[in-house]
Structure formats: structure tokens, C-alpha cells
Amino acid sequence: MIALIGLLIGVALGLLLQPDVPIWLQPYLPIAIVAALDAMFGGLRARLEGVFDEKVFVVSFVGNTVIAALIVLLGDQLGVGSQLSTGVVVVLGIRIFANVAGIRRKLFGA
């Protein structure tokens, strides 16, 4: 419940304050969001399956986000940033859809 309240407060503050994203951070923000969504859906699936662990969730959330950003940074340094960004989005997208399928099976038995 506390997490949901924090999420609502964060969204409200974001909408009210409308912060600017620095130019240097813009290529990494979408990748970080997709990585965070992957961790969130994985945590929800683990909760529904009764195996949720807060430590694993936090490590997954931070780890996925940092690793995804580092891959994009490496791609930028090598001059292939958009290709590696696409690769990260594809891999995390597959994981997100797999987790959503697991959540759907758990909730609806389908």
C-alpha cells in the first residue's frame, strides 16, 4: 500500500512540476524505464506466485536499470548506441511479455 501511495505522489509531482530531462540523460531514460517495468512486472508475478522477496526485487530493479543504461552507454561509445538500445528493448520486452503472461495465467487460469 505504501508503494502505491508513493507511486501516486510521484506521478502527481511529475505532472505538477514537469521536470526537464537533461540532454545527456535523454538516450538512457527510455531504456531505464523499460528495465524498471521489467522488474516491476517480475515482482508482481513473484508476489502472485508467493515467492516475492524484497531484496531480490530491489537488486533486480536497480541491477536491470543500471546494466541497461551501461549497455546503451557502451553502444554510444562504440558508435552503435541505437542498435544496442534496440537490443535491450527487445530483450526486456520479451521478459515483460513473459511476466505478463505468467500474471495472466495466475489471475485468470488461462
PDB file of N, CA and C in Angstrom:
ATOM      1  N   MET A   1       0.827  -1.192   0.000  1.00  0.00           N
ATOM      2  CA  MET A   1       0.000   0.000   0.000  1.00  0.00           C
ATOM      3  C   MET A   1       0.871   1.256   0.000  1.00  0.00           C
ATOM      4  N   ILE A   2       1.966   1.199   0.750  1.00  0.00           N
ATOM      5  CA  ILE A   2       2.871   2.349   0.806  1.00  0.00           C
ATOM      6  C   ILE A   2       3.478   2.611  -0.567  1.00  0.00           C
ATOM      7  N   ALA A   3       3.813   1.537  -1.285  1.00  0.00           N
ATOM      8  CA  ALA A   3       4.391   1.695  -2.620  1.00  0.00           C
ATOM      9  C   ALA A   3       3.399   2.363  -3.566  1.00  0.00           C
ATOM     10  N   LEU A   4       2.134   1.977  -3.493  1.00  0.00           N
ATOM     11  CA  LEU A   4       1.112   2.580  -4.354  1.00  0.00           C
ATOM     12  C   LEU A   4       0.933   4.061  -4.037  1.00  0.00           C
ATOM     13  N   ILE A   5       0.944   4.410  -2.767  1.00  0.00           N
ATOM     14  CA  ILE A   5       0.833   5.820  -2.366  1.00  0.00           C
ATOM     15  C   ILE A   5       2.043   6.600  -2.881  1.00  0.00           C
ATOM     16  N   GLY A   6       3.236   6.019  -2.731  1.00  0.00           N
ATOM     17  CA  GLY A   6       4.448   6.667  -3.237  1.00  0.00           C
ATOM     18  C   GLY A   6       4.402   6.857  -4.738  1.00  0.00           C
ATOM     19  N   LEU A   7       3.893   5.845  -5.453  1.00  0.00           N
ATOM     20  CA  LEU A   7       3.762   5.953  -6.906  1.00  0.00           C
ATOM     21  C   LEU A   7       2.813   7.082  -7.288  1.00  0.00           C
ATOM     22  N   LEU A   8       1.678   7.156  -6.630  1.00  0.00           N
ATOM     23  CA  LEU A   8       0.710   8.215  -6.930  1.00  0.00           C
ATOM     24  C   LEU A   8       1.273   9.602  -6.625  1.00  0.00           C
ATOM     25  N   ILE A   9       1.985   9.726  -5.510  1.00  0.00           N
ATOM     26  CA  ILE A   9       2.598  11.008  -5.172  1.00  0.00           C
ATOM     27  C   ILE A   9       3.657  11.382  -6.215  1.00  0.00           C
ATOM     28  N   GLY A  10       4.471  10.413  -6.623  1.00  0.00           N
ATOM     29  CA  GLY A  10       5.497  10.663  -7.632  1.00  0.00           C
ATOM     30  C   GLY A  10       4.909  11.085  -8.962  1.00  0.00           C
ATOM     31  N   VAL A  11       3.851  10.426  -9.393  1.00  0.00           N
ATOM     32  CA  VAL A  11       3.204  10.787 -10.660  1.00  0.00           C
ATOM     33  C   VAL A  11       2.601  12.185 -10.553  1.00  0.00           C
ATOM     34  N   ALA A  12       1.943  12.481  -9.431  1.00  0.00           N
ATOM     35  CA  ALA A  12       1.343  13.800  -9.245  1.00  0.00           C
ATOM     36  C   ALA A  12       2.413  14.893  -9.262  1.00  0.00           C
ATOM     37  N   LEU A  13       3.524  14.666  -8.554  1.00  0.00           N
ATOM     38  CA  LEU A  13       4.609  15.656  -8.555  1.00  0.00           C
ATOM     39  C   LEU A  13       5.206  15.838  -9.947  1.00  0.00           C
ATOM     40  N   GLY A  14       5.359  14.738 -10.675  1.00  0.00           N
ATOM     41  CA  GLY A  14       5.884  14.827 -12.034  1.00  0.00           C
ATOM     42  C   GLY A  14       4.982  15.635 -12.946  1.00  0.00           C
ATOM     43  N   LEU A  15       3.680  15.436 -12.794  1.00  0.00           N
ATOM     44  CA  LEU A  15       2.735  16.185 -13.630  1.00  0.00           C
ATOM     45  C   LEU A  15       2.673  17.661 -13.234  1.00  0.00           C
ATOM     46  N   LEU A  16       2.771  17.940 -11.939  1.00  0.00           N
ATOM     47  CA  LEU A  16       2.704  19.324 -11.485  1.00  0.00           C
ATOM     48  C   LEU A  16       4.000  20.093 -11.763  1.00  0.00           C
ATOM     49  N   LEU A  17       5.126  19.483 -11.480  1.00  0.00           N
ATOM     50  CA  LEU A  17       6.406  20.181 -11.612  1.00  0.00           C
ATOM     51  C   LEU A  17       6.980  20.138 -13.023  1.00  0.00           C
ATOM     52  N   GLN A  18       6.598  19.147 -13.805  1.00  0.00           N
ATOM     53  CA  GLN A  18       7.077  18.961 -15.171  1.00  0.00           C
ATOM     54  C   GLN A  18       8.589  19.180 -15.277  1.00  0.00           C
ATOM     55  N   PRO A  19       9.367  18.301 -14.648  1.00  0.00           N
ATOM     56  CA  PRO A  19      10.825  18.492 -14.674  1.00  0.00           C
ATOM     57  C   PRO A  19      11.394  18.275 -16.076  1.00  0.00           C
ATOM     58  N   ASP A  20      12.467  18.997 -16.374  1.00  0.00           N
ATOM     59  CA  ASP A  20      13.164  18.833 -17.642  1.00  0.00           C
ATOM     60  C   ASP A  20      14.208  17.734 -17.498  1.00  0.00           C
ATOM     61  N   VAL A  21      14.284  16.879 -18.502  1.00  0.00           N
ATOM     62  CA  VAL A  21      15.300  15.832 -18.520  1.00  0.00           C
ATOM     63  C   VAL A  21      16.523  16.403 -19.224  1.00  0.00           C
ATOM     64  N   PRO A  22      17.695  16.358 -18.558  1.00  0.00           N
ATOM     65  CA  PRO A  22      18.903  16.888 -19.208  1.00  0.00           C
ATOM     66  C   PRO A  22      19.177  16.168 -20.528  1.00  0.00           C
ATOM     67  N   ILE A  23      19.755  16.886 -21.464  1.00  0.00           N
ATOM     68  CA  ILE A  23      20.033  16.346 -22.794  1.00  0.00           C
ATOM     69  C   ILE A  23      20.882  15.079 -22.715  1.00  0.00           C
ATOM     70  N   TRP A  24      21.892  15.059 -21.856  1.00  0.00           N
ATOM     71  CA  TRP A  24      22.793  13.910 -21.775  1.00  0.00           C
ATOM     72  C   TRP A  24      22.091  12.668 -21.229  1.00  0.00           C
ATOM     73  N   LEU A  25      20.970  12.864 -20.517  1.00  0.00           N
ATOM     74  CA  LEU A  25      20.265  11.732 -19.918  1.00  0.00           C
ATOM     75  C   LEU A  25      19.166  11.181 -20.830  1.00  0.00           C
ATOM     76  N   GLN A  26      18.760  11.935 -21.828  1.00  0.00           N
ATOM     77  CA  GLN A  26      17.631  11.550 -22.664  1.00  0.00           C
ATOM     78  C   GLN A  26      17.780  10.202 -23.365  1.00  0.00           C
ATOM     79  N   PRO A  27      18.946   9.800 -23.864  1.00  0.00           N
ATOM     80  CA  PRO A  27      19.025   8.483 -24.502  1.00  0.00           C
ATOM     81  C   PRO A  27      18.871   7.323 -23.523  1.00  0.00           C
ATOM     82  N   TYR A  28      19.141   7.560 -22.254  1.00  0.00           N
ATOM     83  CA  TYR A  28      19.147   6.492 -21.266  1.00  0.00           C
ATOM     84  C   TYR A  28      17.806   6.342 -20.542  1.00  0.00           C
ATOM     85  N   LEU A  29      17.016   7.402 -20.508  1.00  0.00           N
ATOM     86  CA  LEU A  29      15.764   7.378 -19.759  1.00  0.00           C
ATOM     87  C   LEU A  29      14.770   6.336 -20.279  1.00  0.00           C
ATOM     88  N   PRO A  30      14.514   6.233 -21.581  1.00  0.00           N
ATOM     89  CA  PRO A  30      13.569   5.207 -22.038  1.00  0.00           C
ATOM     90  C   PRO A  30      14.031   3.785 -21.708  1.00  0.00           C
ATOM     91  N   ILE A  31      15.328   3.554 -21.809  1.00  0.00           N
ATOM     92  CA  ILE A  31      15.864   2.225 -21.501  1.00  0.00           C
ATOM     93  C   ILE A  31      15.706   1.942 -20.012  1.00  0.00           C
ATOM     94  N   ALA A  32      15.968   2.934 -19.187  1.00  0.00           N
ATOM     95  CA  ALA A  32      15.812   2.761 -17.741  1.00  0.00           C
ATOM     96  C   ALA A  32      14.351   2.487 -17.379  1.00  0.00           C
ATOM     97  N   ILE A  33      13.431   3.141 -18.067  1.00  0.00           N
ATOM     98  CA  ILE A  33      12.010   2.922 -17.795  1.00  0.00           C
ATOM     99  C   ILE A  33      11.599   1.503 -18.183  1.00  0.00           C
ATOM    100  N   VAL A  34      12.055   1.033 -19.331  1.00  0.00           N
ATOM    101  CA  VAL A  34      11.727  -0.338 -19.754  1.00  0.00           C
ATOM    102  C   VAL A  34      12.336  -1.354 -18.781  1.00  0.00           C
ATOM    103  N   ALA A  35      13.549  -1.105 -18.324  1.00  0.00           N
ATOM    104  CA  ALA A  35      14.184  -2.003 -17.354  1.00  0.00           C
ATOM    105  C   ALA A  35      13.418  -1.994 -16.033  1.00  0.00           C
ATOM    106  N   ALA A  36      12.972  -0.822 -15.609  1.00  0.00           N
ATOM    107  CA  ALA A  36      12.194  -0.729 -14.373  1.00  0.00           C
ATOM    108  C   ALA A  36      10.849  -1.441 -14.528  1.00  0.00           C
ATOM    109  N   LEU A  37      10.212  -1.319 -15.687  1.00  0.00           N
ATOM    110  CA  LEU A  37       8.955  -2.033 -15.931  1.00  0.00           C
ATOM    111  C   LEU A  37       9.155  -3.546 -15.879  1.00  0.00           C
ATOM    112  N   ASP A  38      10.278  -4.009 -16.410  1.00  0.00           N
ATOM    113  CA  ASP A  38      10.594  -5.429 -16.355  1.00  0.00           C
ATOM    114  C   ASP A  38      10.671  -5.899 -14.909  1.00  0.00           C
ATOM    115  N   ALA A  39      11.380  -5.151 -14.075  1.00  0.00           N
ATOM    116  CA  ALA A  39      11.493  -5.520 -12.665  1.00  0.00           C
ATOM    117  C   ALA A  39      10.140  -5.453 -11.965  1.00  0.00           C
ATOM    118  N   MET A  40       9.337  -4.454 -12.304  1.00  0.00           N
ATOM    119  CA  MET A  40       8.029  -4.301 -11.674  1.00  0.00           C
ATOM    120  C   MET A  40       7.110  -5.480 -12.007  1.00  0.00           C
ATOM    121  N   PHE A  41       7.040  -5.850 -13.281  1.00  0.00           N
ATOM    122  CA  PHE A  41       6.189  -6.974 -13.653  1.00  0.00           C
ATOM    123  C   PHE A  41       6.727  -8.294 -13.093  1.00  0.00           C
ATOM    124  N   GLY A  42       8.050  -8.414 -13.022  1.00  0.00           N
ATOM    125  CA  GLY A  42       8.637  -9.603 -12.405  1.00  0.00           C
ATOM    126  C   GLY A  42       8.294  -9.687 -10.930  1.00  0.00           C
ATOM    127  N   GLY A  43       8.325  -8.551 -10.243  1.00  0.00           N
ATOM    128  CA  GLY A  43       7.948  -8.519  -8.829  1.00  0.00           C
ATOM    129  C   GLY A  43       6.484  -8.846  -8.615  1.00  0.00           C
ATOM    130  N   LEU A  44       5.626  -8.333  -9.480  1.00  0.00           N
ATOM    131  CA  LEU A  44       4.193  -8.633  -9.372  1.00  0.00           C
ATOM    132  C   LEU A  44       3.931 -10.116  -9.602  1.00  0.00           C
ATOM    133  N   ARG A  45       4.604 -10.670 -10.587  1.00  0.00           N
ATOM    134  CA  ARG A  45       4.452 -12.106 -10.852  1.00  0.00           C
ATOM    135  C   ARG A  45       4.943 -12.928  -9.662  1.00  0.00           C
ATOM    136  N   ALA A  46       6.085 -12.552  -9.097  1.00  0.00           N
ATOM    137  CA  ALA A  46       6.612 -13.268  -7.932  1.00  0.00           C
ATOM    138  C   ALA A  46       5.656 -13.161  -6.751  1.00  0.00           C
ATOM    139  N   ARG A  47       5.056 -12.000  -6.567  1.00  0.00           N
ATOM    140  CA  ARG A  47       4.084 -11.813  -5.472  1.00  0.00           C
ATOM    141  C   ARG A  47       2.891 -12.741  -5.660  1.00  0.00           C
ATOM    142  N   LEU A  48       2.377 -12.818  -6.873  1.00  0.00           N
ATOM    143  CA  LEU A  48       1.232 -13.683  -7.135  1.00  0.00           C
ATOM    144  C   LEU A  48       1.572 -15.164  -6.979  1.00  0.00           C
ATOM    145  N   GLU A  49       2.827 -15.516  -7.261  1.00  0.00           N
ATOM    146  CA  GLU A  49       3.254 -16.903  -7.114  1.00  0.00           C
ATOM    147  C   GLU A  49       3.708 -17.230  -5.696  1.00  0.00           C
ATOM    148  N   GLY A  50       3.719 -16.214  -4.826  1.00  0.00           N
ATOM    149  CA  GLY A  50       4.072 -16.425  -3.433  1.00  0.00           C
ATOM    150  C   GLY A  50       5.557 -16.567  -3.163  1.00  0.00           C
ATOM    151  N   VAL A  51       6.399 -16.104  -4.071  1.00  0.00           N
ATOM    152  CA  VAL A  51       7.846 -16.230  -3.892  1.00  0.00           C
ATOM    153  C   VAL A  51       8.534 -14.860  -3.889  1.00  0.00           C
ATOM    154  N   PHE A  52       7.782 -13.800  -3.635  1.00  0.00           N
ATOM    155  CA  PHE A  52       8.339 -12.451  -3.677  1.00  0.00           C
ATOM    156  C   PHE A  52       9.324 -12.252  -2.530  1.00  0.00           C
ATOM    157  N   ASP A  53      10.471 -11.651  -2.848  1.00  0.00           N
ATOM    158  CA  ASP A  53      11.480 -11.305  -1.854  1.00  0.00           C
ATOM    159  C   ASP A  53      11.908  -9.870  -2.116  1.00  0.00           C
ATOM    160  N   GLU A  54      11.799  -9.025  -1.087  1.00  0.00           N
ATOM    161  CA  GLU A  54      12.097  -7.605  -1.264  1.00  0.00           C
ATOM    162  C   GLU A  54      13.532  -7.370  -1.729  1.00  0.00           C
ATOM    163  N   LYS A  55      14.462  -8.123  -1.174  1.00  0.00           N
ATOM    164  CA  LYS A  55      15.866  -7.936  -1.543  1.00  0.00           C
ATOM    165  C   LYS A  55      16.091  -8.269  -3.014  1.00  0.00           C
ATOM    166  N   VAL A  56      15.507  -9.364  -3.467  1.00  0.00           N
ATOM    167  CA  VAL A  56      15.638  -9.759  -4.870  1.00  0.00           C
ATOM    168  C   VAL A  56      15.012  -8.695  -5.770  1.00  0.00           C
ATOM    169  N   PHE A  57      13.863  -8.153  -5.354  1.00  0.00           N
ATOM    170  CA  PHE A  57      13.198  -7.134  -6.155  1.00  0.00           C
ATOM    171  C   PHE A  57      14.069  -5.885  -6.290  1.00  0.00           C
ATOM    172  N   VAL A  58      14.610  -5.413  -5.170  1.00  0.00           N
ATOM    173  CA  VAL A  58      15.426  -4.193  -5.207  1.00  0.00           C
ATOM    174  C   VAL A  58      16.679  -4.409  -6.053  1.00  0.00           C
ATOM    175  N   VAL A  59      17.340  -5.546  -5.860  1.00  0.00           N
ATOM    176  CA  VAL A  59      18.539  -5.839  -6.646  1.00  0.00           C
ATOM    177  C   VAL A  59      18.190  -5.948  -8.128  1.00  0.00           C
ATOM    178  N   SER A  60      17.067  -6.594  -8.441  1.00  0.00           N
ATOM    179  CA  SER A  60      16.635  -6.721  -9.830  1.00  0.00           C
ATOM    180  C   SER A  60      16.310  -5.356 -10.423  1.00  0.00           C
ATOM    181  N   PHE A  61      15.584  -4.544  -9.677  1.00  0.00           N
ATOM    182  CA  PHE A  61      15.185  -3.225 -10.150  1.00  0.00           C
ATOM    183  C   PHE A  61      16.407  -2.359 -10.447  1.00  0.00           C
ATOM    184  N   VAL A  62      17.293  -2.237  -9.470  1.00  0.00           N
ATOM    185  CA  VAL A  62      18.487  -1.397  -9.637  1.00  0.00           C
ATOM    186  C   VAL A  62      19.439  -2.021 -10.661  1.00  0.00           C
ATOM    187  N   GLY A  63      19.647  -3.326 -10.545  1.00  0.00           N
ATOM    188  CA  GLY A  63      20.571  -4.008 -11.447  1.00  0.00           C
ATOM    189  C   GLY A  63      20.148  -3.924 -12.897  1.00  0.00           C
ATOM    190  N   ASN A  64      18.878  -4.229 -13.179  1.00  0.00           N
ATOM    191  CA  ASN A  64      18.382  -4.148 -14.558  1.00  0.00           C
ATOM    192  C   ASN A  64      18.543  -2.746 -15.125  1.00  0.00           C
ATOM    193  N   THR A  65      18.190  -1.752 -14.331  1.00  0.00           N
ATOM    194  CA  THR A  65      18.241  -0.379 -14.805  1.00  0.00           C
ATOM    195  C   THR A  65      19.682   0.062 -15.079  1.00  0.00           C
ATOM    196  N   VAL A  66      20.572  -0.246 -14.157  1.00  0.00           N
ATOM    197  CA  VAL A  66      21.973   0.161 -14.327  1.00  0.00           C
ATOM    198  C   VAL A  66      22.627  -0.587 -15.489  1.00  0.00           C
ATOM    199  N   ILE A  67      22.407  -1.880 -15.580  1.00  0.00           N
ATOM    200  CA  ILE A  67      23.021  -2.658 -16.662  1.00  0.00           C
ATOM    201  C   ILE A  67      22.502  -2.202 -18.024  1.00  0.00           C
ATOM    202  N   ALA A  68      21.190  -1.967 -18.117  1.00  0.00           N
ATOM    203  CA  ALA A  68      20.628  -1.496 -19.388  1.00  0.00           C
ATOM    204  C   ALA A  68      21.235  -0.144 -19.771  1.00  0.00           C
ATOM    205  N   ALA A  69      21.364   0.762 -18.805  1.00  0.00           N
ATOM    206  CA  ALA A  69      21.951   2.064 -19.099  1.00  0.00           C
ATOM    207  C   ALA A  69      23.420   1.926 -19.494  1.00  0.00           C
ATOM    208  N   LEU A  70      24.149   1.029 -18.839  1.00  0.00           N
ATOM    209  CA  LEU A  70      25.560   0.826 -19.193  1.00  0.00           C
ATOM    210  C   LEU A  70      25.714   0.230 -20.591  1.00  0.00           C
ATOM    211  N   ILE A  71      24.800  -0.645 -20.977  1.00  0.00           N
ATOM    212  CA  ILE A  71      24.858  -1.205 -22.336  1.00  0.00           C
ATOM    213  C   ILE A  71      24.652  -0.101 -23.366  1.00  0.00           C
ATOM    214  N   VAL A  72      23.689   0.777 -23.104  1.00  0.00           N
ATOM    215  CA  VAL A  72      23.449   1.887 -24.030  1.00  0.00           C
ATOM    216  C   VAL A  72      24.644   2.839 -24.033  1.00  0.00           C
ATOM    217  N   LEU A  73      25.230   3.093 -22.874  1.00  0.00           N
ATOM    218  CA  LEU A  73      26.421   3.937 -22.807  1.00  0.00           C
ATOM    219  C   LEU A  73      27.563   3.329 -23.618  1.00  0.00           C
ATOM    220  N   LEU A  74      27.771   2.026 -23.470  1.00  0.00           N
ATOM    221  CA  LEU A  74      28.801   1.342 -24.251  1.00  0.00           C
ATOM    222  C   LEU A  74      28.516   1.465 -25.745  1.00  0.00           C
ATOM    223  N   GLY A  75      27.248   1.295 -26.118  1.00  0.00           N
ATOM    224  CA  GLY A  75      26.873   1.455 -27.518  1.00  0.00           C
ATOM    225  C   GLY A  75      27.157   2.846 -28.040  1.00  0.00           C
ATOM    226  N   ASP A  76      26.885   3.863 -27.203  1.00  0.00           N
ATOM    227  CA  ASP A  76      27.198   5.238 -27.601  1.00  0.00           C
ATOM    228  C   ASP A  76      28.699   5.426 -27.795  1.00  0.00           C
ATOM    229  N   GLN A  77      29.477   4.843 -26.909  1.00  0.00           N
ATOM    230  CA  GLN A  77      30.932   4.968 -27.008  1.00  0.00           C
ATOM    231  C   GLN A  77      31.466   4.275 -28.262  1.00  0.00           C
ATOM    232  N   LEU A  78      30.829   3.171 -28.655  1.00  0.00           N
ATOM    233  CA  LEU A  78      31.251   2.424 -29.838  1.00  0.00           C
ATOM    234  C   LEU A  78      30.633   2.954 -31.121  1.00  0.00           C
ATOM    235  N   GLY A  79      29.664   3.865 -30.997  1.00  0.00           N
ATOM    236  CA  GLY A  79      29.004   4.415 -32.170  1.00  0.00           C
ATOM    237  C   GLY A  79      27.836   3.582 -32.671  1.00  0.00           C
ATOM    238  N   VAL A  80      27.373   2.647 -31.854  1.00  0.00           N
ATOM    239  CA  VAL A  80      26.240   1.797 -32.245  1.00  0.00           C
ATOM    240  C   VAL A  80      25.151   1.850 -31.171  1.00  0.00           C
ATOM    241  N   GLY A  81      24.956   3.036 -30.596  1.00  0.00           N
ATOM    242  CA  GLY A  81      24.013   3.200 -29.489  1.00  0.00           C
ATOM    243  C   GLY A  81      22.597   2.786 -29.819  1.00  0.00           C
ATOM    244  N   SER A  82      22.130   3.145 -31.015  1.00  0.00           N
ATOM    245  CA  SER A  82      20.733   2.823 -31.351  1.00  0.00           C
ATOM    246  C   SER A  82      20.540   1.324 -31.526  1.00  0.00           C
ATOM    247  N   GLN A  83      21.538   0.623 -32.055  1.00  0.00           N
ATOM    248  CA  GLN A  83      21.416  -0.828 -32.218  1.00  0.00           C
ATOM    249  C   GLN A  83      21.383  -1.532 -30.865  1.00  0.00           C
ATOM    250  N   LEU A  84      22.257  -1.120 -29.956  1.00  0.00           N
ATOM    251  CA  LEU A  84      22.248  -1.745 -28.633  1.00  0.00           C
ATOM    252  C   LEU A  84      21.001  -1.355 -27.850  1.00  0.00           C
ATOM    253  N   SER A  85      20.517  -0.135 -28.042  1.00  0.00           N
ATOM    254  CA  SER A  85      19.264   0.269 -27.392  1.00  0.00           C
ATOM    255  C   SER A  85      18.118  -0.614 -27.861  1.00  0.00           C
ATOM    256  N   THR A  86      18.076  -0.865 -29.160  1.00  0.00           N
ATOM    257  CA  THR A  86      17.036  -1.732 -29.706  1.00  0.00           C
ATOM    258  C   THR A  86      17.156  -3.133 -29.130  1.00  0.00           C
ATOM    259  N   GLY A  87      18.376  -3.641 -29.021  1.00  0.00           N
ATOM    260  CA  GLY A  87      18.585  -4.967 -28.452  1.00  0.00           C
ATOM    261  C   GLY A  87      18.118  -5.055 -27.011  1.00  0.00           C
ATOM    262  N   VAL A  88      18.419  -4.033 -26.230  1.00  0.00           N
ATOM    263  CA  VAL A  88      17.989  -4.017 -24.825  1.00  0.00           C
ATOM    264  C   VAL A  88      16.471  -3.978 -24.746  1.00  0.00           C
ATOM    265  N   VAL A  89      15.835  -3.155 -25.557  1.00  0.00           N
ATOM    266  CA  VAL A  89      14.375  -3.052 -25.534  1.00  0.00           C
ATOM    267  C   VAL A  89      13.736  -4.377 -25.947  1.00  0.00           C
ATOM    268  N   VAL A  90      14.298  -5.042 -26.943  1.00  0.00           N
ATOM    269  CA  VAL A  90      13.754  -6.331 -27.385  1.00  0.00           C
ATOM    270  C   VAL A  90      13.859  -7.370 -26.273  1.00  0.00           C
ATOM    271  N   VAL A  91      15.033  -7.483 -25.665  1.00  0.00           N
ATOM    272  CA  VAL A  91      15.225  -8.479 -24.609  1.00  0.00           C
ATOM    273  C   VAL A  91      14.316  -8.190 -23.413  1.00  0.00           C
ATOM    274  N   LEU A  92      14.297  -6.949 -22.966  1.00  0.00           N
ATOM    275  CA  LEU A  92      13.442  -6.618 -21.823  1.00  0.00           C
ATOM    276  C   LEU A  92      11.967  -6.713 -22.193  1.00  0.00           C
ATOM    277  N   GLY A  93      11.626  -6.383 -23.434  1.00  0.00           N
ATOM    278  CA  GLY A  93      10.236  -6.535 -23.882  1.00  0.00           C
ATOM    279  C   GLY A  93       9.785  -7.979 -23.839  1.00  0.00           C
ATOM    280  N   ILE A  94      10.651  -8.889 -24.253  1.00  0.00           N
ATOM    281  CA  ILE A  94      10.317 -10.314 -24.187  1.00  0.00           C
ATOM    282  C   ILE A  94      10.086 -10.726 -22.743  1.00  0.00           C
ATOM    283  N   ARG A  95      10.948 -10.260 -21.843  1.00  0.00           N
ATOM    284  CA  ARG A  95      10.798 -10.589 -20.424  1.00  0.00           C
ATOM    285  C   ARG A  95       9.505 -10.004 -19.855  1.00  0.00           C
ATOM    286  N   ILE A  96       9.171  -8.774 -20.251  1.00  0.00           N
ATOM    287  CA  ILE A  96       7.936  -8.152 -19.770  1.00  0.00           C
ATOM    288  C   ILE A  96       6.731  -8.960 -20.225  1.00  0.00           C
ATOM    289  N   PHE A  97       6.695  -9.336 -21.511  1.00  0.00           N
ATOM    290  CA  PHE A  97       5.561 -10.108 -22.005  1.00  0.00           C
ATOM    291  C   PHE A  97       5.484 -11.487 -21.351  1.00  0.00           C
ATOM    292  N   ALA A  98       6.624 -12.102 -21.064  1.00  0.00           N
ATOM    293  CA  ALA A  98       6.626 -13.389 -20.369  1.00  0.00           C
ATOM    294  C   ALA A  98       6.066 -13.233 -18.957  1.00  0.00           C
ATOM    295  N   ASN A  99       6.453 -12.171 -18.270  1.00  0.00           N
ATOM    296  CA  ASN A  99       5.926 -11.935 -16.929  1.00  0.00           C
ATOM    297  C   ASN A  99       4.437 -11.624 -16.954  1.00  0.00           C
ATOM    298  N   VAL A 100       4.005 -10.822 -17.922  1.00  0.00           N
ATOM    299  CA  VAL A 100       2.577 -10.510 -18.042  1.00  0.00           C
ATOM    300  C   VAL A 100       1.781 -11.777 -18.344  1.00  0.00           C
ATOM    301  N   ALA A 101       2.325 -12.665 -19.172  1.00  0.00           N
ATOM    302  CA  ALA A 101       1.652 -13.936 -19.449  1.00  0.00           C
ATOM    303  C   ALA A 101       1.542 -14.764 -18.172  1.00  0.00           C
ATOM    304  N   GLY A 102       2.598 -14.782 -17.366  1.00  0.00           N
ATOM    305  CA  GLY A 102       2.547 -15.500 -16.088  1.00  0.00           C
ATOM    306  C   GLY A 102       1.533 -14.900 -15.145  1.00  0.00           C
ATOM    307  N   ILE A 103       1.437 -13.569 -15.118  1.00  0.00           N
ATOM    308  CA  ILE A 103       0.444 -12.899 -14.275  1.00  0.00           C
ATOM    309  C   ILE A 103      -0.961 -13.231 -14.750  1.00  0.00           C
ATOM    310  N   ARG A 104      -1.154 -13.202 -16.055  1.00  0.00           N
ATOM    311  CA  ARG A 104      -2.478 -13.533 -16.618  1.00  0.00           C
ATOM    312  C   ARG A 104      -2.877 -14.959 -16.274  1.00  0.00           C
ATOM    313  N   ARG A 105      -1.919 -15.909 -16.413  1.00  0.00           N
ATOM    314  CA  ARG A 105      -2.223 -17.302 -16.063  1.00  0.00           C
ATOM    315  C   ARG A 105      -2.586 -17.442 -14.599  1.00  0.00           C
ATOM    316  N   LYS A 106      -1.881 -16.724 -13.733  1.00  0.00           N
ATOM    317  CA  LYS A 106      -2.132 -16.812 -12.301  1.00  0.00           C
ATOM    318  C   LYS A 106      -3.482 -16.201 -11.938  1.00  0.00           C
ATOM    319  N   LEU A 107      -3.814 -15.060 -12.539  1.00  0.00           N
ATOM    320  CA  LEU A 107      -5.055 -14.377 -12.204  1.00  0.00           C
ATOM    321  C   LEU A 107      -6.284 -15.037 -12.823  1.00  0.00           C
ATOM    322  N   PHE A 108      -6.177 -15.463 -14.067  1.00  0.00           N
ATOM    323  CA  PHE A 108      -7.347 -15.955 -14.789  1.00  0.00           C
ATOM    324  C   PHE A 108      -7.315 -17.441 -15.071  1.00  0.00           C
ATOM    325  N   GLY A 109      -6.212 -18.097 -14.737  1.00  0.00           N
ATOM    326  CA  GLY A 109      -6.097 -19.529 -15.001  1.00  0.00           C
ATOM    327  C   GLY A 109      -6.074 -19.851 -16.479  1.00  0.00           C
ATOM    328  N   ALA A 110      -5.681 -18.857 -17.298  1.00  0.00           N
ATOM    329  CA  ALA A 110      -5.664 -19.064 -18.750  1.00  0.00           C
ATOM    330  C   ALA A 110      -4.264 -18.927 -19.289  1.00  0.00           C
TER     331      ALA A 110
END
